[in-house]
């Protein structure tokens, strides 16, 4: 990924609704990008996000995927 993802992609990441390959690319970017980490922190503070996540969450999220996303959500801004 050469540029930062759109708001829609970050929201899809938080809602756990991306395909595995797309998610992996996005996660690698976010782990290295302070700006995206800050954007995710703001998104995770949104009251509407919880409802969105419940609505879009896929039925087959593995434990590894769940832990990876949780770790990303908990990353402090650099």
Protein backbone atom coordinates (compact mmCIF):
# COMPACT_ATOMS: atom_id res chain seq x y z
CA UNK A 1 0.00 0.00 0.00
CA UNK A 2 1.63 3.22 -1.13
CA UNK A 3 -0.81 5.74 0.33
CA UNK A 4 -3.05 5.90 3.36
CA UNK A 5 -6.37 4.07 3.08
CA UNK A 6 -9.69 5.81 2.74
CA UNK A 7 -12.06 6.36 5.64
CA UNK A 8 -14.25 3.62 4.17
CA UNK A 9 -11.39 1.08 4.23
CA UNK A 10 -10.44 1.92 7.81
CA UNK A 11 -14.07 1.60 8.84
CA UNK A 12 -14.27 -1.77 7.08
CA UNK A 13 -11.14 -2.86 8.95
CA UNK A 14 -12.70 -1.91 12.26
CA UNK A 15 -15.94 -3.65 11.26
CA UNK A 16 -13.91 -6.73 10.31
CA UNK A 17 -15.56 -6.88 6.90
CA UNK A 18 -12.51 -7.00 4.61
CA UNK A 19 -11.25 -10.00 2.68
CA UNK A 20 -8.28 -11.67 4.32
CA UNK A 21 -5.73 -10.47 1.75
CA UNK A 22 -7.03 -6.88 1.80
CA UNK A 23 -7.04 -6.88 5.58
CA UNK A 24 -3.46 -8.13 5.80
CA UNK A 25 -2.17 -5.38 3.49
CA UNK A 26 -4.08 -2.74 5.45
CA UNK A 27 -2.92 -4.06 8.83
CA UNK A 28 0.72 -3.94 7.73
CA UNK A 29 0.27 -0.34 6.61
CA UNK A 30 -1.47 0.73 9.82
CA UNK A 31 1.20 -0.90 12.00
CA UNK A 32 3.76 1.46 10.43
CA UNK A 33 1.65 4.60 9.88
CA UNK A 34 1.16 6.97 12.79
CA UNK A 35 -1.44 8.96 10.89
CA UNK A 36 -3.60 5.89 10.28
CA UNK A 37 -3.19 4.77 13.89
CA UNK A 38 -4.54 8.15 14.99
CA UNK A 39 -7.41 7.91 12.50
CA UNK A 40 -8.28 4.43 13.83
CA UNK A 41 -8.19 5.75 17.40
CA UNK A 42 -10.69 8.45 16.46
CA UNK A 43 -12.86 5.90 14.65
CA UNK A 44 -12.84 3.54 17.61
CA UNK A 45 -14.13 6.36 19.83
CA UNK A 46 -17.19 6.81 17.59
CA UNK A 47 -20.43 5.61 19.23
CA UNK A 48 -21.80 4.56 15.85
CA UNK A 49 -18.86 2.21 15.22
CA UNK A 50 -20.10 -0.50 17.58
CA UNK A 51 -23.41 -0.78 15.72
CA UNK A 52 -21.59 -0.78 12.38
CA UNK A 53 -19.25 -3.52 13.53
CA UNK A 54 -22.14 -5.67 14.67
CA UNK A 55 -23.95 -5.12 11.38
CA UNK A 56 -20.96 -5.86 9.12
CA UNK A 57 -19.03 -8.44 11.12
CA UNK A 58 -18.42 -11.61 9.20
CA UNK A 59 -19.41 -14.93 10.71
CA UNK A 60 -15.98 -16.53 10.19
CA UNK A 61 -13.43 -14.37 11.96
CA UNK A 62 -10.58 -16.53 13.24
CA UNK A 63 -8.97 -16.11 16.64
CA UNK A 64 -5.78 -14.86 14.96
CA UNK A 65 -7.74 -12.23 13.03
CA UNK A 66 -9.57 -11.17 16.17
CA UNK A 67 -6.33 -10.80 18.16
CA UNK A 68 -4.64 -8.89 15.32
CA UNK A 69 -7.50 -6.42 15.04
CA UNK A 70 -7.69 -6.02 18.80
CA UNK A 71 -3.95 -5.31 18.94
CA UNK A 72 -4.33 -2.66 16.23
CA UNK A 73 -7.21 -1.04 18.07
CA UNK A 74 -5.10 -0.81 21.22
CA UNK A 75 -1.97 0.64 19.61
CA UNK A 76 -1.08 4.00 21.14
CA UNK A 77 -0.40 6.84 18.73
CA UNK A 78 3.31 7.22 18.07
